[in-house]
Amino acid sequence: VQLQASGGGLVQPGGSLRLSCAASGRSFSSLTTAWFRQAPGKERLFVAGIKRGGSTYYTDSGKGRFTVSRDTAKNTVYLQMNNLRPEDTANYYCATTPRSLIVSSMWQKEEYDDWGQGTQVTVSS
């Protein structure tokens, strides 16, 4: 699966961005998909995920602010991010696996087989 992430940019605190992850080679409806982020010098961490059946999962910091969704017609997964904070600044990556993961495994970057190239999100005034 080839993944193309886009939609990052510079936004002020409290602002919003919508990231997109387009796939070629396989339908997102047959994939477990996640968004991770990595700040400079830090580990790549799970942000949100969507299972093949459509169930969604978030870290505590993203609940109520971030929404992951899927458009099967466009074969694209989105991450809508609202009320952004400076600590959300990072390079954001989408990742997929054809396997059905248990919830605790979705947080593990090692469980994913294919990765997009990343899109930079900077939250700053």
PDB file of N, CA and C in Angstrom:
ATOM      1  N   VAL A   1       0.845  -1.180   0.000  1.00  0.00           N
ATOM      2  CA  VAL A   1       0.000   0.000   0.000  1.00  0.00           C
ATOM      3  C   VAL A   1       0.887   1.239   0.000  1.00  0.00           C
ATOM      4  N   GLN A   2       0.581   2.154  -0.908  1.00  0.00           N
ATOM      5  CA  GLN A   2       1.303   3.427  -0.928  1.00  0.00           C
ATOM      6  C   GLN A   2       0.400   4.499  -0.323  1.00  0.00           C
ATOM      7  N   LEU A   3       0.978   5.264   0.594  1.00  0.00           N
ATOM      8  CA  LEU A   3       0.211   6.262   1.327  1.00  0.00           C
ATOM      9  C   LEU A   3       0.789   7.644   1.074  1.00  0.00           C
ATOM     10  N   GLN A   4      -0.096   8.600   0.903  1.00  0.00           N
ATOM     11  CA  GLN A   4       0.313   9.985   0.674  1.00  0.00           C
ATOM     12  C   GLN A   4      -0.413  10.867   1.664  1.00  0.00           C
ATOM     13  N   ALA A   5       0.341  11.423   2.609  1.00  0.00           N
ATOM     14  CA  ALA A   5      -0.235  12.305   3.620  1.00  0.00           C
ATOM     15  C   ALA A   5      -0.088  13.755   3.192  1.00  0.00           C
ATOM     16  N   SER A   6      -1.085  14.549   3.540  1.00  0.00           N
ATOM     17  CA  SER A   6      -1.044  15.968   3.201  1.00  0.00           C
ATOM     18  C   SER A   6      -1.921  16.741   4.179  1.00  0.00           C
ATOM     19  N   GLY A   7      -1.852  18.075   4.083  1.00  0.00           N
ATOM     20  CA  GLY A   7      -2.737  18.915   4.876  1.00  0.00           C
ATOM     21  C   GLY A   7      -2.089  19.633   6.033  1.00  0.00           C
ATOM     22  N   GLY A   8      -0.823  19.359   6.292  1.00  0.00           N
ATOM     23  CA  GLY A   8      -0.153  20.048   7.383  1.00  0.00           C
ATOM     24  C   GLY A   8       0.088  21.510   7.060  1.00  0.00           C
ATOM     25  N   GLY A   9       0.555  22.226   8.077  1.00  0.00           N
ATOM     26  CA  GLY A   9       0.843  23.639   7.888  1.00  0.00           C
ATOM     27  C   GLY A   9       1.065  24.339   9.196  1.00  0.00           C
ATOM     28  N   LEU A  10       1.119  25.659   9.114  1.00  0.00           N
ATOM     29  CA  LEU A  10       1.301  26.503  10.291  1.00  0.00           C
ATOM     30  C   LEU A  10      -0.062  27.040  10.711  1.00  0.00           C
ATOM     31  N   VAL A  11      -0.390  26.888  11.977  1.00  0.00           N
ATOM     32  CA  VAL A  11      -1.681  27.341  12.484  1.00  0.00           C
ATOM     33  C   VAL A  11      -1.480  27.931  13.873  1.00  0.00           C
ATOM     34  N   GLN A  12      -2.299  28.899  14.201  1.00  0.00           N
ATOM     35  CA  GLN A  12      -2.209  29.507  15.535  1.00  0.00           C
ATOM     36  C   GLN A  12      -2.868  28.609  16.575  1.00  0.00           C
ATOM     37  N   PRO A  13      -2.458  28.738  17.815  1.00  0.00           N
ATOM     38  CA  PRO A  13      -3.138  27.980  18.889  1.00  0.00           C
ATOM     39  C   PRO A  13      -4.646  28.223  18.859  1.00  0.00           C
ATOM     40  N   GLY A  14      -5.389  27.149  19.010  1.00  0.00           N
ATOM     41  CA  GLY A  14      -6.836  27.226  18.923  1.00  0.00           C
ATOM     42  C   GLY A  14      -7.379  26.994  17.532  1.00  0.00           C
ATOM     43  N   GLY A  15      -6.518  26.963  16.549  1.00  0.00           N
ATOM     44  CA  GLY A  15      -6.935  26.766  15.173  1.00  0.00           C
ATOM     45  C   GLY A  15      -7.173  25.304  14.830  1.00  0.00           C
ATOM     46  N   SER A  16      -7.486  25.080  13.562  1.00  0.00           N
ATOM     47  CA  SER A  16      -7.822  23.731  13.087  1.00  0.00           C
ATOM     48  C   SER A  16      -7.057  23.394  11.814  1.00  0.00           C
ATOM     49  N   LEU A  17      -6.858  22.115  11.632  1.00  0.00           N
ATOM     50  CA  LEU A  17      -6.296  21.582  10.391  1.00  0.00           C
ATOM     51  C   LEU A  17      -6.966  20.246  10.116  1.00  0.00           C
ATOM     52  N   ARG A  18      -7.042  19.907   8.837  1.00  0.00           N
ATOM     53  CA  ARG A  18      -7.496  18.572   8.464  1.00  0.00           C
ATOM     54  C   ARG A  18      -6.409  17.902   7.639  1.00  0.00           C
ATOM     55  N   LEU A  19      -5.886  16.817   8.175  1.00  0.00           N
ATOM     56  CA  LEU A  19      -4.890  16.035   7.466  1.00  0.00           C
ATOM     57  C   LEU A  19      -5.594  14.971   6.628  1.00  0.00           C
ATOM     58  N   SER A  20      -4.992  14.656   5.490  1.00  0.00           N
ATOM     59  CA  SER A  20      -5.523  13.625   4.607  1.00  0.00           C
ATOM     60  C   SER A  20      -4.467  12.563   4.363  1.00  0.00           C
ATOM     61  N   CYS A  21      -4.925  11.344   4.200  1.00  0.00           N
ATOM     62  CA  CYS A  21      -4.043  10.231   3.864  1.00  0.00           C
ATOM     63  C   CYS A  21      -4.724   9.458   2.740  1.00  0.00           C
ATOM     64  N   ALA A  22      -4.159   9.563   1.550  1.00  0.00           N
ATOM     65  CA  ALA A  22      -4.710   8.863   0.394  1.00  0.00           C
ATOM     66  C   ALA A  22      -3.925   7.583   0.159  1.00  0.00           C
ATOM     67  N   ALA A  23      -4.642   6.520  -0.187  1.00  0.00           N
ATOM     68  CA  ALA A  23      -4.009   5.222  -0.382  1.00  0.00           C
ATOM     69  C   ALA A  23      -4.179   4.758  -1.815  1.00  0.00           C
ATOM     70  N   SER A  24      -3.165   4.062  -2.293  1.00  0.00           N
ATOM     71  CA  SER A  24      -3.269   3.358  -3.567  1.00  0.00           C
ATOM     72  C   SER A  24      -2.813   1.929  -3.338  1.00  0.00           C
ATOM     73  N   GLY A  25      -3.491   1.029  -3.979  1.00  0.00           N
ATOM     74  CA  GLY A  25      -3.109  -0.367  -3.866  1.00  0.00           C
ATOM     75  C   GLY A  25      -4.033  -1.216  -3.017  1.00  0.00           C
ATOM     76  N   ARG A  26      -4.825  -0.554  -2.187  1.00  0.00           N
ATOM     77  CA  ARG A  26      -5.735  -1.298  -1.323  1.00  0.00           C
ATOM     78  C   ARG A  26      -6.750  -0.325  -0.748  1.00  0.00           C
ATOM     79  N   SER A  27      -7.936  -0.842  -0.465  1.00  0.00           N
ATOM     80  CA  SER A  27      -8.985  -0.005   0.113  1.00  0.00           C
ATOM     81  C   SER A  27      -8.789   0.135   1.618  1.00  0.00           C
ATOM     82  N   PHE A  28      -9.020   1.344   2.127  1.00  0.00           N
ATOM     83  CA  PHE A  28      -8.926   1.578   3.566  1.00  0.00           C
ATOM     84  C   PHE A  28      -9.924   0.736   4.348  1.00  0.00           C
ATOM     85  N   SER A  29     -11.007   0.321   3.702  1.00  0.00           N
ATOM     86  CA  SER A  29     -11.994  -0.481   4.416  1.00  0.00           C
ATOM     87  C   SER A  29     -11.464  -1.862   4.757  1.00  0.00           C
ATOM     88  N   SER A  30     -10.354  -2.257   4.158  1.00  0.00           N
ATOM     89  CA  SER A  30      -9.726  -3.538   4.460  1.00  0.00           C
ATOM     90  C   SER A  30      -8.458  -3.367   5.299  1.00  0.00           C
ATOM     91  N   LEU A  31      -8.235  -2.176   5.820  1.00  0.00           N
ATOM     92  CA  LEU A  31      -7.016  -1.854   6.556  1.00  0.00           C
ATOM     93  C   LEU A  31      -7.325  -1.282   7.935  1.00  0.00           C
ATOM     94  N   THR A  32      -6.470  -1.573   8.883  1.00  0.00           N
ATOM     95  CA  THR A  32      -6.437  -0.815  10.125  1.00  0.00           C
ATOM     96  C   THR A  32      -5.502   0.362   9.884  1.00  0.00           C
ATOM     97  N   THR A  33      -5.988   1.555  10.153  1.00  0.00           N
ATOM     98  CA  THR A  33      -5.237   2.769   9.833  1.00  0.00           C
ATOM     99  C   THR A  33      -5.046   3.617  11.078  1.00  0.00           C
ATOM    100  N   ALA A  34      -3.889   4.221  11.179  1.00  0.00           N
ATOM    101  CA  ALA A  34      -3.613   5.067  12.335  1.00  0.00           C
ATOM    102  C   ALA A  34      -2.847   6.308  11.906  1.00  0.00           C
ATOM    103  N   TRP A  35      -2.963   7.323  12.728  1.00  0.00           N
ATOM    104  CA  TRP A  35      -2.133   8.511  12.640  1.00  0.00           C
ATOM    105  C   TRP A  35      -1.172   8.496  13.824  1.00  0.00           C
ATOM    106  N   PHE A  36       0.095   8.736  13.513  1.00  0.00           N
ATOM    107  CA  PHE A  36       1.126   8.902  14.522  1.00  0.00           C
ATOM    108  C   PHE A  36       1.735  10.290  14.341  1.00  0.00           C
ATOM    109  N   ARG A  37       2.429  10.733  15.353  1.00  0.00           N
ATOM    110  CA  ARG A  37       3.169  11.984  15.217  1.00  0.00           C
ATOM    111  C   ARG A  37       4.516  11.870  15.905  1.00  0.00           C
ATOM    112  N   GLN A  38       5.443  12.654  15.394  1.00  0.00           N
ATOM    113  CA  GLN A  38       6.791  12.625  15.945  1.00  0.00           C
ATOM    114  C   GLN A  38       7.342  14.035  15.981  1.00  0.00           C
ATOM    115  N   ALA A  39       7.645  14.488  17.182  1.00  0.00           N
ATOM    116  CA  ALA A  39       8.294  15.778  17.364  1.00  0.00           C
ATOM    117  C   ALA A  39       9.805  15.581  17.313  1.00  0.00           C
ATOM    118  N   PRO A  40      10.563  16.620  16.992  1.00  0.00           N
ATOM    119  CA  PRO A  40      12.022  16.485  16.896  1.00  0.00           C
ATOM    120  C   PRO A  40      12.623  15.911  18.167  1.00  0.00           C
ATOM    121  N   GLY A  41      13.431  14.882  17.997  1.00  0.00           N
ATOM    122  CA  GLY A  41      14.108  14.276  19.133  1.00  0.00           C
ATOM    123  C   GLY A  41      13.246  13.398  19.997  1.00  0.00           C
ATOM    124  N   LYS A  42      12.019  13.162  19.564  1.00  0.00           N
ATOM    125  CA  LYS A  42      11.112  12.365  20.383  1.00  0.00           C
ATOM    126  C   LYS A  42      10.638  11.132  19.611  1.00  0.00           C
ATOM    127  N   GLU A  43      10.008  10.243  20.365  1.00  0.00           N
ATOM    128  CA  GLU A  43       9.508   9.007  19.781  1.00  0.00           C
ATOM    129  C   GLU A  43       8.263   9.257  18.942  1.00  0.00           C
ATOM    130  N   ARG A  44       8.047   8.401  17.954  1.00  0.00           N
ATOM    131  CA  ARG A  44       6.836   8.462  17.156  1.00  0.00           C
ATOM    132  C   ARG A  44       5.698   7.853  17.983  1.00  0.00           C
ATOM    133  N   LEU A  45       4.632   8.613  18.174  1.00  0.00           N
ATOM    134  CA  LEU A  45       3.558   8.217  19.075  1.00  0.00           C
ATOM    135  C   LEU A  45       2.211   8.171  18.366  1.00  0.00           C
ATOM    136  N   PHE A  46       1.385   7.257  18.804  1.00  0.00           N
ATOM    137  CA  PHE A  46       0.021   7.098  18.286  1.00  0.00           C
ATOM    138  C   PHE A  46      -0.804   8.331  18.621  1.00  0.00           C
ATOM    139  N   VAL A  47      -1.646   8.736  17.657  1.00  0.00           N
ATOM    140  CA  VAL A  47      -2.551   9.867  17.862  1.00  0.00           C
ATOM    141  C   VAL A  47      -4.000   9.403  17.792  1.00  0.00           C
ATOM    142  N   ALA A  48      -4.321   8.673  16.725  1.00  0.00           N
ATOM    143  CA  ALA A  48      -5.702   8.222  16.515  1.00  0.00           C
ATOM    144  C   ALA A  48      -5.683   7.066  15.526  1.00  0.00           C
ATOM    145  N   GLY A  49      -6.732   6.250  15.583  1.00  0.00           N
ATOM    146  CA  GLY A  49      -6.800   5.129  14.668  1.00  0.00           C
ATOM    147  C   GLY A  49      -8.218   4.769  14.310  1.00  0.00           C
ATOM    148  N   ILE A  50      -8.364   4.063  13.199  1.00  0.00           N
ATOM    149  CA  ILE A  50      -9.674   3.601  12.759  1.00  0.00           C
ATOM    150  C   ILE A  50      -9.524   2.168  12.269  1.00  0.00           C
ATOM    151  N   LYS A  51     -10.376   1.315  12.839  1.00  0.00           N
ATOM    152  CA  LYS A  51     -10.311  -0.080  12.480  1.00  0.00           C
ATOM    153  C   LYS A  51     -11.024  -0.336  11.152  1.00  0.00           C
ATOM    154  N   ARG A  52     -10.886  -1.544  10.623  1.00  0.00           N
ATOM    155  CA  ARG A  52     -11.518  -1.885   9.357  1.00  0.00           C
ATOM    156  C   ARG A  52     -13.029  -1.707   9.420  1.00  0.00           C
ATOM    157  N   GLY A  53     -13.598  -2.026  10.567  1.00  0.00           N
ATOM    158  CA  GLY A  53     -15.042  -1.892  10.737  1.00  0.00           C
ATOM    159  C   GLY A  53     -15.511  -0.478  10.996  1.00  0.00           C
ATOM    160  N   GLY A  54     -14.581   0.448  11.196  1.00  0.00           N
ATOM    161  CA  GLY A  54     -14.936   1.847  11.392  1.00  0.00           C
ATOM    162  C   GLY A  54     -14.834   2.357  12.807  1.00  0.00           C
ATOM    163  N   SER A  55     -14.533   1.484  13.776  1.00  0.00           N
ATOM    164  CA  SER A  55     -14.364   1.951  15.158  1.00  0.00           C
ATOM    165  C   SER A  55     -13.141   2.857  15.240  1.00  0.00           C
ATOM    166  N   THR A  56     -13.269   3.898  16.037  1.00  0.00           N
ATOM    167  CA  THR A  56     -12.183   4.873  16.146  1.00  0.00           C
ATOM    168  C   THR A  56     -11.623   4.930  17.557  1.00  0.00           C
ATOM    169  N   TYR A  57     -10.357   5.300  17.655  1.00  0.00           N
ATOM    170  CA  TYR A  57      -9.643   5.300  18.923  1.00  0.00           C
ATOM    171  C   TYR A  57      -8.720   6.514  18.975  1.00  0.00           C
ATOM    172  N   TYR A  58      -8.590   7.082  20.169  1.00  0.00           N
ATOM    173  CA  TYR A  58      -7.805   8.302  20.362  1.00  0.00           C
ATOM    174  C   TYR A  58      -7.017   8.216  21.646  1.00  0.00           C
ATOM    175  N   THR A  59      -5.923   8.955  21.684  1.00  0.00           N
ATOM    176  CA  THR A  59      -5.252   9.152  22.957  1.00  0.00           C
ATOM    177  C   THR A  59      -6.067  10.149  23.777  1.00  0.00           C
ATOM    178  N   ASP A  60      -5.784  10.194  25.050  1.00  0.00           N
ATOM    179  CA  ASP A  60      -6.510  11.114  25.931  1.00  0.00           C
ATOM    180  C   ASP A  60      -6.329  12.558  25.475  1.00  0.00           C
ATOM    181  N   SER A  61      -5.137  12.890  24.970  1.00  0.00           N
ATOM    182  CA  SER A  61      -4.898  14.275  24.565  1.00  0.00           C
ATOM    183  C   SER A  61      -5.688  14.658  23.323  1.00  0.00           C
ATOM    184  N   GLY A  62      -6.100  13.660  22.542  1.00  0.00           N
ATOM    185  CA  GLY A  62      -6.838  13.937  21.321  1.00  0.00           C
ATOM    186  C   GLY A  62      -8.340  13.852  21.441  1.00  0.00           C
ATOM    187  N   LYS A  63      -8.816  13.176  22.477  1.00  0.00           N
ATOM    188  CA  LYS A  63     -10.258  13.013  22.647  1.00  0.00           C
ATOM    189  C   LYS A  63     -10.936  14.367  22.771  1.00  0.00           C
ATOM    190  N   GLY A  64     -11.983  14.540  21.994  1.00  0.00           N
ATOM    191  CA  GLY A  64     -12.719  15.799  22.012  1.00  0.00           C
ATOM    192  C   GLY A  64     -12.149  16.864  21.100  1.00  0.00           C
ATOM    193  N   ARG A  65     -10.922  16.664  20.633  1.00  0.00           N
ATOM    194  CA  ARG A  65     -10.294  17.640  19.731  1.00  0.00           C
ATOM    195  C   ARG A  65     -10.051  17.070  18.343  1.00  0.00           C
ATOM    196  N   PHE A  66      -9.696  15.789  18.281  1.00  0.00           N
ATOM    197  CA  PHE A  66      -9.338  15.152  17.020  1.00  0.00           C
ATOM    198  C   PHE A  66     -10.427  14.170  16.600  1.00  0.00           C
ATOM    199  N   THR A  67     -10.645  14.076  15.288  1.00  0.00           N
ATOM    200  CA  THR A  67     -11.588  13.115  14.749  1.00  0.00           C
ATOM    201  C   THR A  67     -10.972  12.440  13.536  1.00  0.00           C
ATOM    202  N   VAL A  68     -10.919  11.110  13.595  1.00  0.00           N
ATOM    203  CA  VAL A  68     -10.423  10.350  12.449  1.00  0.00           C
ATOM    204  C   VAL A  68     -11.635   9.796  11.702  1.00  0.00           C
ATOM    205  N   SER A  69     -11.603   9.889  10.381  1.00  0.00           N
ATOM    206  CA  SER A  69     -12.723   9.428   9.560  1.00  0.00           C
ATOM    207  C   SER A  69     -12.194   8.883   8.249  1.00  0.00           C
ATOM    208  N   ARG A  70     -13.109   8.257   7.533  1.00  0.00           N
ATOM    209  CA  ARG A  70     -12.711   7.564   6.306  1.00  0.00           C
ATOM    210  C   ARG A  70     -13.735   7.847   5.220  1.00  0.00           C
ATOM    211  N   ASP A  71     -13.256   8.139   4.021  1.00  0.00           N
ATOM    212  CA  ASP A  71     -14.116   8.312   2.848  1.00  0.00           C
ATOM    213  C   ASP A  71     -13.772   7.177   1.888  1.00  0.00           C
ATOM    214  N   THR A  72     -14.642   6.189   1.821  1.00  0.00           N
ATOM    215  CA  THR A  72     -14.318   5.019   1.010  1.00  0.00           C
ATOM    216  C   THR A  72     -14.337   5.340  -0.478  1.00  0.00           C
ATOM    217  N   ALA A  73     -15.183   6.268  -0.897  1.00  0.00           N
ATOM    218  CA  ALA A  73     -15.248   6.620  -2.315  1.00  0.00           C
ATOM    219  C   ALA A  73     -13.938   7.247  -2.793  1.00  0.00           C
ATOM    220  N   LYS A  74     -13.335   8.052  -1.927  1.00  0.00           N
ATOM    221  CA  LYS A  74     -12.066   8.706  -2.268  1.00  0.00           C
ATOM    222  C   LYS A  74     -10.865   7.898  -1.781  1.00  0.00           C
ATOM    223  N   ASN A  75     -11.143   6.813  -1.066  1.00  0.00           N
ATOM    224  CA  ASN A  75     -10.092   5.988  -0.460  1.00  0.00           C
ATOM    225  C   ASN A  75      -9.090   6.867   0.293  1.00  0.00           C
ATOM    226  N   THR A  76      -9.638   7.649   1.174  1.00  0.00           N
ATOM    227  CA  THR A  76      -8.847   8.608   1.953  1.00  0.00           C
ATOM    228  C   THR A  76      -9.287   8.578   3.411  1.00  0.00           C
ATOM    229  N   VAL A  77      -8.306   8.664   4.286  1.00  0.00           N
ATOM    230  CA  VAL A  77      -8.572   8.794   5.719  1.00  0.00           C
ATOM    231  C   VAL A  77      -8.172  10.199   6.138  1.00  0.00           C
ATOM    232  N   TYR A  78      -8.976  10.780   7.009  1.00  0.00           N
ATOM    233  CA  TYR A  78      -8.747  12.154   7.459  1.00  0.00           C
ATOM    234  C   TYR A  78      -8.478  12.186   8.956  1.00  0.00           C
ATOM    235  N   LEU A  79      -7.748  13.202   9.363  1.00  0.00           N
ATOM    236  CA  LEU A  79      -7.616  13.520  10.778  1.00  0.00           C
ATOM    237  C   LEU A  79      -7.968  14.990  10.934  1.00  0.00           C
ATOM    238  N   GLN A  80      -9.162  15.238  11.437  1.00  0.00           N
ATOM    239  CA  GLN A  80      -9.586  16.599  11.728  1.00  0.00           C
ATOM    240  C   GLN A  80      -9.082  16.977  13.102  1.00  0.00           C
ATOM    241  N   MET A  81      -8.320  18.050  13.168  1.00  0.00           N
ATOM    242  CA  MET A  81      -7.729  18.480  14.439  1.00  0.00           C
ATOM    243  C   MET A  81      -8.227  19.884  14.765  1.00  0.00           C
ATOM    244  N   ASN A  82      -8.897  20.008  15.885  1.00  0.00           N
ATOM    245  CA  ASN A  82      -9.442  21.287  16.332  1.00  0.00           C
ATOM    246  C   ASN A  82      -8.768  21.713  17.629  1.00  0.00           C
ATOM    247  N   ASN A  83      -8.901  22.991  17.939  1.00  0.00           N
ATOM    248  CA  ASN A  83      -8.347  23.524  19.181  1.00  0.00           C
ATOM    249  C   ASN A  83      -6.883  23.103  19.362  1.00  0.00           C
ATOM    250  N   LEU A  84      -6.113  23.323  18.327  1.00  0.00           N
ATOM    251  CA  LEU A  84      -4.718  22.880  18.340  1.00  0.00           C
ATOM    252  C   LEU A  84      -3.900  23.646  19.372  1.00  0.00           C
ATOM    253  N   ARG A  85      -2.923  22.949  19.920  1.00  0.00           N
ATOM    254  CA  ARG A  85      -2.055  23.487  20.961  1.00  0.00           C
ATOM    255  C   ARG A  85      -0.604  23.438  20.479  1.00  0.00           C
ATOM    256  N   PRO A  86       0.251  24.260  21.026  1.00  0.00           N
ATOM    257  CA  PRO A  86       1.667  24.201  20.626  1.00  0.00           C
ATOM    258  C   PRO A  86       2.274  22.805  20.788  1.00  0.00           C
ATOM    259  N   GLU A  87       1.831  22.061  21.775  1.00  0.00           N
ATOM    260  CA  GLU A  87       2.384  20.721  21.988  1.00  0.00           C
ATOM    261  C   GLU A  87       1.919  19.713  20.928  1.00  0.00           C
ATOM    262  N   ASP A  88       0.997  20.113  20.055  1.00  0.00           N
ATOM    263  CA  ASP A  88       0.610  19.261  18.932  1.00  0.00           C
ATOM    264  C   ASP A  88       1.585  19.380  17.765  1.00  0.00           C
ATOM    265  N   THR A  89       2.525  20.290  17.863  1.00  0.00           N
ATOM    266  CA  THR A  89       3.506  20.478  16.801  1.00  0.00           C
ATOM    267  C   THR A  89       4.335  19.216  16.610  1.00  0.00           C
ATOM    268  N   ALA A  90       4.337  18.689  15.385  1.00  0.00           N
ATOM    269  CA  ALA A  90       5.043  17.450  15.075  1.00  0.00           C
ATOM    270  C   ALA A  90       4.882  17.152  13.587  1.00  0.00           C
ATOM    271  N   ASN A  91       5.611  16.166  13.156  1.00  0.00           N
ATOM    272  CA  ASN A  91       5.401  15.589  11.828  1.00  0.00           C
ATOM    273  C   ASN A  91       4.392  14.457  12.002  1.00  0.00           C
ATOM    274  N   TYR A  92       3.320  14.506  11.222  1.00  0.00           N
ATOM    275  CA  TYR A  92       2.237  13.538  11.352  1.00  0.00           C
ATOM    276  C   TYR A  92       2.318  12.513  10.227  1.00  0.00           C
ATOM    277  N   TYR A  93       2.178  11.248  10.603  1.00  0.00           N
ATOM    278  CA  TYR A  93       2.277  10.141   9.669  1.00  0.00           C
ATOM    279  C   TYR A  93       1.008   9.300   9.711  1.00  0.00           C
ATOM    280  N   CYS A  94       0.569   8.836   8.547  1.00  0.00           N
ATOM    281  CA  CYS A  94      -0.472   7.816   8.519  1.00  0.00           C
ATOM    282  C   CYS A  94       0.203   6.472   8.270  1.00  0.00           C
ATOM    283  N   ALA A  95      -0.416   5.441   8.806  1.00  0.00           N
ATOM    284  CA  ALA A  95       0.143   4.107   8.722  1.00  0.00           C
ATOM    285  C   ALA A  95      -0.982   3.088   8.633  1.00  0.00           C
ATOM    286  N   THR A  96      -0.709   1.978   7.967  1.00  0.00           N
ATOM    287  CA  THR A  96      -1.742   0.960   7.804  1.00  0.00           C
ATOM    288  C   THR A  96      -1.171  -0.448   7.994  1.00  0.00           C
ATOM    289  N   THR A  97      -2.076  -1.354   8.307  1.00  0.00           N
ATOM    290  CA  THR A  97      -1.808  -2.774   8.297  1.00  0.00           C
ATOM    291  C   THR A  97      -3.079  -3.490   7.859  1.00  0.00           C
ATOM    292  N   PRO A  98      -2.963  -4.587   7.138  1.00  0.00           N
ATOM    293  CA  PRO A  98      -4.168  -5.327   6.762  1.00  0.00           C
ATOM    294  C   PRO A  98      -4.710  -6.168   7.911  1.00  0.00           C
ATOM    295  N   ARG A  99      -3.968  -6.271   8.995  1.00  0.00           N
ATOM    296  CA  ARG A  99      -4.388  -7.099  10.112  1.00  0.00           C
ATOM    297  C   ARG A  99      -5.375  -6.359  11.007  1.00  0.00           C
ATOM    298  N   SER A 100      -6.244  -7.123  11.626  1.00  0.00           N
ATOM    299  CA  SER A 100      -7.151  -6.562  12.607  1.00  0.00           C
ATOM    300  C   SER A 100      -6.434  -6.564  13.945  1.00  0.00           C
ATOM    301  N   LEU A 101      -6.170  -5.407  14.482  1.00  0.00           N
ATOM    302  CA  LEU A 101      -5.413  -5.283  15.726  1.00  0.00           C
ATOM    303  C   LEU A 101      -6.341  -5.154  16.924  1.00  0.00           C
ATOM    304  N   ILE A 102      -5.893  -5.744  18.038  1.00  0.00           N
ATOM    305  CA  ILE A 102      -6.588  -5.440  19.284  1.00  0.00           C
ATOM    306  C   ILE A 102      -6.241  -4.012  19.672  1.00  0.00           C
ATOM    307  N   VAL A 103      -7.071  -3.436  20.513  1.00  0.00           N
ATOM    308  CA  VAL A 103      -6.940  -2.013  20.804  1.00  0.00           C
ATOM    309  C   VAL A 103      -5.557  -1.679  21.338  1.00  0.00           C
ATOM    310  N   SER A 104      -5.046  -2.484  22.246  1.00  0.00           N
ATOM    311  CA  SER A 104      -3.743  -2.182  22.855  1.00  0.00           C
ATOM    312  C   SER A 104      -2.618  -2.234  21.830  1.00  0.00           C
ATOM    313  N   SER A 105      -2.812  -2.996  20.764  1.00  0.00           N
ATOM    314  CA  SER A 105      -1.782  -3.086  19.723  1.00  0.00           C
ATOM    315  C   SER A 105      -1.817  -1.909  18.770  1.00  0.00           C
ATOM    316  N   MET A 106      -2.949  -1.230  18.684  1.00  0.00           N
ATOM    317  CA  MET A 106      -3.044  -0.105  17.769  1.00  0.00           C
ATOM    318  C   MET A 106      -2.073   1.006  18.136  1.00  0.00           C
ATOM    319  N   TRP A 107      -1.696   1.091  19.370  1.00  0.00           N
ATOM    320  CA  TRP A 107      -0.778   2.120  19.836  1.00  0.00           C
ATOM    321  C   TRP A 107       0.674   1.850  19.434  1.00  0.00           C
ATOM    322  N   GLN A 108       0.952   0.642  18.961  1.00  0.00           N
ATOM    323  CA  GLN A 108       2.326   0.218  18.714  1.00  0.00           C
ATOM    324  C   GLN A 108       2.721   0.438  17.258  1.00  0.00           C
ATOM    325  N   LYS A 109       3.664   1.298  17.032  1.00  0.00           N
ATOM    326  CA  LYS A 109       4.052   1.617  15.657  1.00  0.00           C
ATOM    327  C   LYS A 109       4.613   0.391  14.941  1.00  0.00           C
ATOM    328  N   GLU A 110       5.146  -0.571  15.684  1.00  0.00           N
ATOM    329  CA  GLU A 110       5.720  -1.777  15.075  1.00  0.00           C
ATOM    330  C   GLU A 110       4.646  -2.658  14.429  1.00  0.00           C
ATOM    331  N   GLU A 111       3.383  -2.428  14.756  1.00  0.00           N
ATOM    332  CA  GLU A 111       2.304  -3.256  14.212  1.00  0.00           C
ATOM    333  C   GLU A 111       1.898  -2.847  12.796  1.00  0.00           C
ATOM    334  N   TYR A 112       2.407  -1.716  12.329  1.00  0.00           N
ATOM    335  CA  TYR A 112       1.978  -1.186  11.038  1.00  0.00           C
ATOM    336  C   TYR A 112       3.012  -1.478   9.954  1.00  0.00           C
ATOM    337  N   ASP A 113       2.513  -1.798   8.767  1.00  0.00           N
ATOM    338  CA  ASP A 113       3.376  -2.252   7.684  1.00  0.00           C
ATOM    339  C   ASP A 113       3.757  -1.144   6.707  1.00  0.00           C
ATOM    340  N   ASP A 114       2.858  -0.241   6.464  1.00  0.00           N
ATOM    341  CA  ASP A 114       3.089   0.792   5.456  1.00  0.00           C
ATOM    342  C   ASP A 114       2.881   2.172   6.067  1.00  0.00           C
ATOM    343  N   TRP A 115       3.722   3.102   5.640  1.00  0.00           N
ATOM    344  CA  TRP A 115       3.717   4.450   6.212  1.00  0.00           C
ATOM    345  C   TRP A 115       3.725   5.492   5.105  1.00  0.00           C
ATOM    346  N   GLY A 116       3.020   6.571   5.361  1.00  0.00           N
ATOM    347  CA  GLY A 116       3.125   7.727   4.493  1.00  0.00           C
ATOM    348  C   GLY A 116       4.382   8.515   4.811  1.00  0.00           C
ATOM    349  N   GLN A 117       4.614   9.565   4.054  1.00  0.00           N
ATOM    350  CA  GLN A 117       5.867  10.301   4.173  1.00  0.00           C
ATOM    351  C   GLN A 117       5.846  11.346   5.286  1.00  0.00           C
ATOM    352  N   GLY A 118       4.697  11.609   5.868  1.00  0.00           N
ATOM    353  CA  GLY A 118       4.630  12.601   6.927  1.00  0.00           C
ATOM    354  C   GLY A 118       4.258  13.978   6.412  1.00  0.00           C
ATOM    355  N   THR A 119       3.523  14.691   7.252  1.00  0.00           N
ATOM    356  CA  THR A 119       3.164  16.078   6.940  1.00  0.00           C
ATOM    357  C   THR A 119       3.351  16.895   8.215  1.00  0.00           C
ATOM    358  N   GLN A 120       4.031  18.019   8.091  1.00  0.00           N
ATOM    359  CA  GLN A 120       4.409  18.812   9.255  1.00  0.00           C
ATOM    360  C   GLN A 120       3.261  19.700   9.720  1.00  0.00           C
ATOM    361  N   VAL A 121       2.998  19.630  11.012  1.00  0.00           N
ATOM    362  CA  VAL A 121       2.021  20.509  11.660  1.00  0.00           C
ATOM    363  C   VAL A 121       2.767  21.369  12.668  1.00  0.00           C
ATOM    364  N   THR A 122       2.638  22.668  12.530  1.00  0.00           N
ATOM    365  CA  THR A 122       3.270  23.607  13.464  1.00  0.00           C
ATOM    366  C   THR A 122       2.199  24.506  14.048  1.00  0.00           C
ATOM    367  N   VAL A 123       2.105  24.485  15.377  1.00  0.00           N
ATOM    368  CA  VAL A 123       1.120  25.310  16.078  1.00  0.00           C
ATOM    369  C   VAL A 123       1.888  26.383  16.839  1.00  0.00           C
ATOM    370  N   SER A 124       1.737  27.594  16.376  1.00  0.00           N
ATOM    371  CA  SER A 124       2.509  28.680  16.961  1.00  0.00           C
ATOM    372  C   SER A 124       1.843  30.009  16.673  1.00  0.00           C
ATOM    373  N   SER A 125       1.989  30.935  17.598  1.00  0.00           N
ATOM    374  CA  SER A 125       1.477  32.277  17.383  1.00  0.00           C
ATOM    375  C   SER A 125       2.562  33.174  16.818  1.00  0.00           C
TER     376      SER A 125
END
